[in-house]
Amino acid sequence: MIIQSFLQFIKESNDFKRVLKRGDYGDDVKTLQRGLGIKEPDGDFGDDTRKLLISYQKKRGLEPTGIFGRETWSVMFPKKEVNIQDILNRLERATSGLGTDEEALEGAILNIPSREVVVSINNLISKNRDKYSYQNIGDYFSEELGIFDSGVRERIEKHLTKIGALDLIKSTKLPPINDGTIVKATLDSVVKYEDVKLEVYPDPIHGWKVPTIGIGFNLARKDADKKLKALGLNPVLIRKKKSKITKEQAYKLATDDIYNALQGAKRVIKNFNEHPLEVRSAITEVIFNIGVTGFSEFDNFINLIHKKNYKRAAKELMNSSWSRQVGRRAEEISDKIYSAKLTS
């Protein structure tokens, strides 16, 4: 039955299924073997498993039959109530803000008693993506733990292996996307708002304080003359409107700037290559528009992008002063981020 509001309590393990004895084979035998402390269960109920089971039954005052029945099951796997909402709340508290509480994060995950609970938590997250920072339990620790947290990571993975849930927490991976694809996608979007103008014009926001040409190329920047000369252009004549640039030159200037913005995005967004194309392109376009220094001040937005919480990141971007300056352009960029999806 589907978990009602995902707030109800669920059992530690599946209900008892069948009596197990020597010669049996399957996943339920693996569950038994894990309960007996076998580190690498093979699912084969052989002599070794039977001997361990008899020893287990003797130590707990059970009849040492070497057969795994309902009575032994209830002792080995006592019903344990777990509030999955509480576990998720603990994960959120441990990873909120710019820092990570590694101890709290580890404690929350080690409190997960079974594979079934991991499935339930992942289902809860998928049904409430706006509410949570990550897409699954695996992302909570794979994205939050750094190279100096290897001990915490190992303990978490050991626990998840023990409960047979390691395969459920793999982080989402994306196919490789090359820089050229990102630059092209960004340029196509930029051209929608930065008309290709072949002679100098005032910046839409700052006016003639920032003379501009081509596709938003700022003539007031320090390296403007160098870039114009590299294309065989005369900066003085360009500024005096006595010379124009070609459409090809305009696209060359814009493409170079977008490529530089992309490199800046990679420096600021540490897991940049883990995001889908539309998110990478959107971030690159913002940096193309305001520069990497200005973008670096968007702490909350950057934090949400790191966590792959695109819906909240998009809303955060719309709350920025930059959004109010550029209007519809910010809406479209935010929409790309809001609707982005990772493919597993």
Protein backbone atom coordinates (compact mmCIF):
# COMPACT_ATOMS: atom_id res chain seq x y z
CA MET A 1 0.00 0.00 0.00
CA ILE A 2 1.28 3.48 -0.85
CA ILE A 3 2.59 5.31 2.19
CA GLN A 4 -0.11 7.71 3.34
CA SER A 5 1.35 11.23 3.28
CA PHE A 6 4.70 9.51 3.86
CA LEU A 7 4.32 10.25 7.56
CA GLN A 8 3.14 6.84 8.74
CA PHE A 9 5.49 4.46 10.43
CA ILE A 10 6.84 1.51 8.49
CA LYS A 11 8.48 -1.74 9.49
CA GLU A 12 12.20 -2.35 9.56
CA SER A 13 12.04 -5.27 7.13
CA ASN A 14 9.54 -7.07 4.94
CA ASP A 15 6.99 -9.25 6.68
CA PHE A 16 7.99 -12.87 7.23
CA LYS A 17 7.71 -14.72 3.91
CA ARG A 18 8.72 -18.37 4.25
CA VAL A 19 10.53 -20.94 6.35
CA LEU A 20 14.16 -21.28 5.31
CA LYS A 21 16.28 -24.41 5.66
CA ARG A 22 19.45 -25.94 4.29
CA GLY A 23 19.35 -26.10 0.50
CA ASP A 24 17.23 -22.98 0.04
CA TYR A 25 18.48 -20.10 -2.07
CA GLY A 26 17.42 -16.50 -2.69
CA ASP A 27 17.37 -12.90 -1.48
CA ASP A 28 15.57 -13.85 1.72
CA VAL A 29 18.47 -16.18 2.51
CA LYS A 30 20.80 -13.18 2.03
CA THR A 31 18.66 -11.27 4.54
CA LEU A 32 19.07 -14.12 7.00
CA GLN A 33 22.82 -14.25 6.41
CA ARG A 34 23.13 -10.51 7.05
CA GLY A 35 21.23 -11.02 10.29
CA LEU A 36 23.78 -13.67 11.22
CA GLY A 37 26.63 -11.23 10.60
CA ILE A 38 27.88 -12.70 7.31
CA LYS A 39 29.67 -9.83 5.58
CA GLU A 40 29.28 -11.14 2.03
CA PRO A 41 26.00 -13.06 1.85
CA ASP A 42 25.64 -15.32 -1.17
CA GLY A 43 22.00 -16.32 -0.73
CA ASP A 44 22.87 -20.02 -0.44
CA PHE A 45 21.61 -21.74 2.75
CA GLY A 46 24.47 -24.20 3.18
CA ASP A 47 26.13 -25.94 6.12
CA ASP A 48 27.98 -22.82 7.27
CA THR A 49 24.77 -20.77 7.38
CA ARG A 50 23.01 -23.57 9.25
CA LYS A 51 25.78 -23.79 11.87
CA LEU A 52 25.67 -20.03 12.45
CA LEU A 53 21.90 -20.15 12.71
CA ILE A 54 21.99 -22.93 15.32
CA SER A 55 24.54 -20.96 17.33
CA TYR A 56 22.34 -17.86 17.06
CA GLN A 57 19.26 -19.79 18.23
CA LYS A 58 21.09 -21.30 21.22
CA LYS A 59 22.39 -17.93 22.41
CA ARG A 60 18.89 -16.47 22.36
CA GLY A 61 17.09 -19.34 24.03
CA LEU A 62 15.41 -20.54 20.85
CA GLU A 63 15.07 -24.17 19.83
CA PRO A 64 18.30 -24.88 17.88
CA THR A 65 16.67 -26.47 14.84
CA GLY A 66 18.85 -24.86 12.20
CA ILE A 67 15.61 -23.88 10.49
CA PHE A 68 14.70 -20.24 10.09
CA GLY A 69 11.05 -19.86 10.98
CA ARG A 70 8.75 -17.08 12.12
CA GLU A 71 9.91 -17.24 15.77
CA THR A 72 13.58 -16.80 14.89
CA TRP A 73 12.66 -14.09 12.38
CA SER A 74 10.81 -12.07 15.03
CA VAL A 75 13.85 -12.20 17.32
CA MET A 76 16.38 -11.37 14.59
CA PHE A 77 14.27 -8.66 13.00
CA PRO A 78 12.08 -7.14 15.71
CA LYS A 79 9.53 -4.66 14.44
CA LYS A 80 10.94 -1.18 14.62
CA GLU A 81 8.94 1.90 13.85
CA VAL A 82 10.66 4.55 11.79
CA ASN A 83 9.38 8.00 10.92
CA ILE A 84 10.72 8.64 7.44
CA GLN A 85 9.70 12.30 7.56
CA ASP A 86 11.85 12.71 10.66
CA ILE A 87 14.85 11.16 8.88
CA LEU A 88 14.40 13.54 5.94
CA ASN A 89 14.09 16.51 8.26
CA ARG A 90 17.38 15.52 9.89
CA LEU A 91 19.05 15.24 6.48
CA GLU A 92 17.79 18.71 5.55
CA ARG A 93 19.03 20.24 8.82
CA ALA A 94 22.44 18.60 8.39
CA THR A 95 22.90 20.04 4.89
CA SER A 96 21.20 23.40 5.19
CA GLY A 97 23.18 26.58 4.60
CA LEU A 98 26.69 26.74 3.22
CA GLY A 99 28.18 24.26 5.67
CA THR A 100 27.54 20.59 6.35
CA ASP A 101 27.08 18.97 9.75
CA GLU A 102 28.85 15.70 8.89
CA GLU A 103 28.07 14.09 12.23
CA ALA A 104 24.35 14.85 11.94
CA LEU A 105 24.31 13.70 8.32
CA GLU A 106 25.94 10.41 9.22
CA GLY A 107 23.61 9.92 12.18
CA ALA A 108 20.52 10.45 10.04
CA ILE A 109 21.58 7.91 7.42
CA LEU A 110 22.78 5.34 9.95
CA ASN A 111 19.32 5.57 11.51
CA ILE A 112 17.81 4.10 8.34
CA PRO A 113 17.13 0.45 9.24
CA SER A 114 16.27 -1.19 5.92
CA ARG A 115 16.20 -1.07 2.15
CA GLU A 116 12.45 -0.52 2.28
CA VAL A 117 12.93 2.71 4.24
CA VAL A 118 15.41 4.00 1.64
CA VAL A 119 12.84 3.31 -1.10
CA SER A 120 10.16 5.13 0.88
CA ILE A 121 12.38 8.16 1.52
CA ASN A 122 13.35 8.40 -2.16
CA ASN A 123 9.66 8.18 -3.09
CA LEU A 124 8.83 10.97 -0.67
CA ILE A 125 11.55 13.18 -2.14
CA SER A 126 10.39 12.54 -5.72
CA LYS A 127 6.83 13.55 -4.84
CA ASN A 128 7.95 16.76 -3.14
CA ARG A 129 10.91 18.03 -5.18
CA ASP A 130 10.26 21.68 -4.27
CA LYS A 131 10.62 20.89 -0.60
CA TYR A 132 13.93 19.00 -0.47
CA SER A 133 17.48 19.93 -1.39
CA TYR A 134 18.44 16.76 -3.23
CA GLN A 135 16.89 14.19 -5.53
CA ASN A 136 17.67 11.09 -3.49
CA ILE A 137 19.46 9.94 -0.34
CA GLY A 138 22.64 9.24 -2.27
CA ASP A 139 22.94 12.87 -3.35
CA TYR A 140 22.71 14.05 0.26
CA PHE A 141 26.05 12.54 1.17
CA SER A 142 27.80 12.29 -2.21
CA GLU A 143 27.35 16.03 -2.80
CA GLU A 144 27.93 17.19 0.79
CA LEU A 145 30.96 15.11 1.79
CA GLY A 146 34.39 16.19 0.56
CA ILE A 147 37.73 14.43 0.25
CA PHE A 148 38.40 14.92 3.97
CA ASP A 149 35.19 13.11 4.91
CA SER A 150 36.22 9.69 3.60
CA GLY A 151 35.71 8.07 7.01
CA VAL A 152 32.11 9.29 7.19
CA ARG A 153 31.48 8.18 3.62
CA GLU A 154 32.89 4.71 4.28
CA ARG A 155 30.73 4.22 7.38
CA ILE A 156 27.62 5.33 5.51
CA GLU A 157 28.33 3.03 2.56
CA LYS A 158 29.08 0.14 4.91
CA HIS A 159 25.73 0.63 6.64
CA LEU A 160 23.84 0.88 3.35
CA THR A 161 25.57 -2.27 2.14
CA LYS A 162 24.55 -4.03 5.33
CA ILE A 163 20.88 -3.25 4.78
CA GLY A 164 21.12 -4.08 1.08
CA ALA A 165 20.43 -0.54 -0.12
CA LEU A 166 23.71 0.65 -1.63
CA ASP A 167 22.35 0.26 -5.16
CA LEU A 168 19.52 2.69 -4.37
CA ILE A 169 21.65 5.68 -3.42
CA LYS A 170 23.84 6.20 -6.46
CA SER A 171 24.05 9.85 -7.49
CA THR A 172 22.44 10.87 -10.72
CA LYS A 173 24.86 10.90 -13.65
CA LEU A 174 24.61 12.75 -16.94
CA PRO A 175 26.10 12.01 -20.35
CA PRO A 176 29.10 14.23 -21.17
CA ILE A 177 28.35 17.61 -22.75
CA ASN A 178 31.20 19.41 -24.48
CA ASP A 179 31.95 23.12 -24.13
CA GLY A 180 31.00 23.83 -27.73
CA THR A 181 27.45 22.60 -27.14
CA ILE A 182 27.07 24.81 -24.06
CA VAL A 183 28.51 27.86 -25.85
CA LYS A 184 26.17 27.39 -28.82
CA ALA A 185 23.10 26.94 -26.59
CA THR A 186 24.06 30.06 -24.63
CA LEU A 187 24.76 32.12 -27.74
CA ASP A 188 21.38 31.20 -29.25
CA SER A 189 19.71 32.46 -26.08
CA VAL A 190 21.83 35.59 -25.78
CA VAL A 191 21.07 36.71 -29.33
CA LYS A 192 17.36 36.80 -28.45
CA TYR A 193 18.03 39.68 -26.07
CA GLU A 194 21.28 41.20 -27.32
CA ASP A 195 20.51 42.33 -30.85
CA VAL A 196 23.42 42.12 -33.28
CA LYS A 197 24.34 45.76 -33.73
CA LEU A 198 27.25 46.55 -35.99
CA GLU A 199 28.01 50.02 -34.64
CA VAL A 200 28.39 51.41 -31.16
CA TYR A 201 25.24 51.92 -29.07
CA PRO A 202 24.43 52.76 -25.41
CA ASP A 203 24.04 49.89 -22.96
CA PRO A 204 20.30 49.29 -22.26
CA ILE A 205 20.81 49.69 -18.51
CA HIS A 206 23.82 51.99 -18.03
CA GLY A 207 23.48 54.11 -21.15
CA TRP A 208 26.51 55.76 -22.75
CA LYS A 209 28.57 55.14 -19.62
CA VAL A 210 28.96 51.67 -21.10
CA PRO A 211 29.25 51.99 -24.89
CA THR A 212 28.46 48.67 -26.50
CA ILE A 213 28.77 46.97 -29.88
CA GLY A 214 27.95 43.68 -31.52
CA ILE A 215 26.15 41.26 -29.19
CA GLY A 216 26.50 43.08 -25.89
CA PHE A 217 30.25 43.64 -26.15
CA ASN A 218 31.28 46.25 -23.57
CA LEU A 219 33.64 48.82 -25.08
CA ALA A 220 34.46 50.26 -21.64
CA ARG A 221 36.20 47.10 -20.44
CA LYS A 222 39.97 47.10 -20.10
CA ASP A 223 40.63 44.49 -22.77
CA ALA A 224 38.21 45.93 -25.34
CA ASP A 225 40.88 47.56 -27.53
CA LYS A 226 43.01 44.41 -27.53
CA LYS A 227 40.07 42.27 -28.65
CA LEU A 228 39.02 44.72 -31.35
CA LYS A 229 42.56 44.99 -32.71
CA ALA A 230 42.83 41.20 -32.79
CA LEU A 231 39.99 41.30 -35.33
CA GLY A 232 41.72 44.01 -37.37
CA LEU A 233 39.45 46.78 -36.09
CA ASN A 234 40.32 50.36 -35.09
CA PRO A 235 38.96 51.01 -31.54
CA VAL A 236 39.04 54.81 -31.95
CA LEU A 237 37.00 54.76 -35.16
CA ILE A 238 34.60 52.23 -33.66
CA ARG A 239 33.87 54.48 -30.65
CA LYS A 240 33.41 57.54 -32.88
CA LYS A 241 30.93 55.64 -35.05
CA LYS A 242 33.21 56.11 -38.03
CA SER A 243 33.64 52.38 -38.44
CA LYS A 244 31.45 49.30 -38.03
CA ILE A 245 32.07 45.66 -37.37
CA THR A 246 30.78 42.75 -39.42
CA LYS A 247 28.22 40.24 -38.22
CA GLU A 248 30.93 37.58 -38.14
CA GLN A 249 33.11 39.79 -35.94
CA ALA A 250 30.18 40.42 -33.61
CA TYR A 251 29.63 36.68 -33.22
CA LYS A 252 33.35 36.10 -32.67
CA LEU A 253 33.45 38.63 -29.81
CA ALA A 254 30.33 37.17 -28.22
CA THR A 255 31.49 33.56 -28.60
CA ASP A 256 34.82 34.33 -26.93
CA ASP A 257 33.05 36.06 -24.02
CA ILE A 258 30.59 33.21 -23.60
CA TYR A 259 33.45 30.73 -23.54
CA ASN A 260 35.15 32.78 -20.81
CA ALA A 261 31.86 32.95 -18.90
CA LEU A 262 31.64 29.17 -19.15
CA GLN A 263 35.09 28.77 -17.62
CA GLY A 264 34.04 31.12 -14.82
CA ALA A 265 30.92 29.03 -14.23
CA LYS A 266 33.08 25.93 -13.83
CA ARG A 267 35.17 27.68 -11.20
CA VAL A 268 32.20 28.85 -9.16
CA ILE A 269 29.94 25.80 -9.53
CA LYS A 270 32.16 22.99 -8.28
CA ASN A 271 29.92 20.22 -9.66
CA PHE A 272 29.15 22.11 -12.89
CA ASN A 273 29.50 19.08 -15.17
CA GLU A 274 26.86 17.16 -13.20
CA HIS A 275 24.06 19.48 -14.31
CA PRO A 276 21.91 19.20 -17.46
CA LEU A 277 22.64 21.35 -20.49
CA GLU A 278 19.89 23.89 -19.85
CA VAL A 279 21.23 24.61 -16.35
CA ARG A 280 24.84 24.95 -17.50
CA SER A 281 23.79 27.23 -20.34
CA ALA A 282 21.59 29.34 -18.06
CA ILE A 283 24.38 29.84 -15.53
CA THR A 284 26.82 30.69 -18.32
CA GLU A 285 24.40 33.29 -19.68
CA VAL A 286 23.99 34.95 -16.28
CA ILE A 287 27.78 35.21 -15.95
CA PHE A 288 28.03 36.52 -19.54
CA ASN A 289 25.57 39.23 -18.50
CA ILE A 290 26.92 40.29 -15.09
CA GLY A 291 30.41 38.78 -14.86
CA VAL A 292 31.79 36.06 -12.65
CA THR A 293 32.42 38.47 -9.75
CA GLY A 294 28.82 39.59 -9.63
CA PHE A 295 27.57 36.03 -10.01
CA SER A 296 29.77 34.85 -7.13
CA GLU A 297 27.70 37.00 -4.78
CA PHE A 298 24.59 34.86 -5.42
CA ASP A 299 25.42 32.61 -2.46
CA ASN A 300 21.98 31.08 -1.93
CA PHE A 301 21.46 30.45 -5.64
CA ILE A 302 24.88 28.81 -5.97
CA ASN A 303 24.24 26.63 -2.92
CA LEU A 304 20.91 25.42 -4.33
CA ILE A 305 22.51 24.68 -7.71
CA HIS A 306 25.18 22.61 -5.97
CA LYS A 307 22.36 20.63 -4.37
CA LYS A 308 20.57 20.26 -7.73
CA ASN A 309 17.46 21.86 -6.28
CA TYR A 310 16.57 23.63 -9.49
CA LYS A 311 13.09 24.78 -8.57
CA ARG A 312 14.24 26.62 -5.47
CA ALA A 313 17.33 27.92 -7.30
CA ALA A 314 15.15 29.38 -10.04
CA LYS A 315 12.97 31.15 -7.48
CA GLU A 316 16.07 32.48 -5.72
CA LEU A 317 17.40 33.87 -9.00
CA MET A 318 14.11 35.66 -9.63
CA ASN A 319 14.43 37.37 -6.23
CA SER A 320 17.76 38.97 -7.19
CA SER A 321 18.28 42.63 -8.08
CA TRP A 322 19.69 41.44 -11.41
CA SER A 323 16.33 39.86 -12.23
CA ARG A 324 14.56 43.13 -11.65
CA GLN A 325 17.00 44.88 -13.97
CA VAL A 326 16.69 42.55 -16.96
CA GLY A 327 13.04 41.56 -16.55
CA ARG A 328 11.79 39.04 -19.10
CA ARG A 329 15.28 37.73 -19.78
CA ALA A 330 15.65 36.65 -16.15
CA GLU A 331 12.25 34.96 -16.30
CA GLU A 332 13.27 32.84 -19.28
CA ILE A 333 16.61 31.89 -17.76
CA SER A 334 14.89 30.98 -14.48
CA ASP A 335 12.29 28.94 -16.34
CA LYS A 336 15.05 26.85 -17.92
CA ILE A 337 16.51 26.10 -14.51
CA TYR A 338 13.10 25.48 -12.91
CA SER A 339 12.10 22.89 -15.51
CA ALA A 340 15.50 21.15 -15.67
CA LYS A 341 15.57 17.44 -14.95
CA LEU A 342 18.42 15.04 -14.31
CA THR A 343 18.42 11.72 -16.16
CA SER A 344 19.68 8.72 -14.26
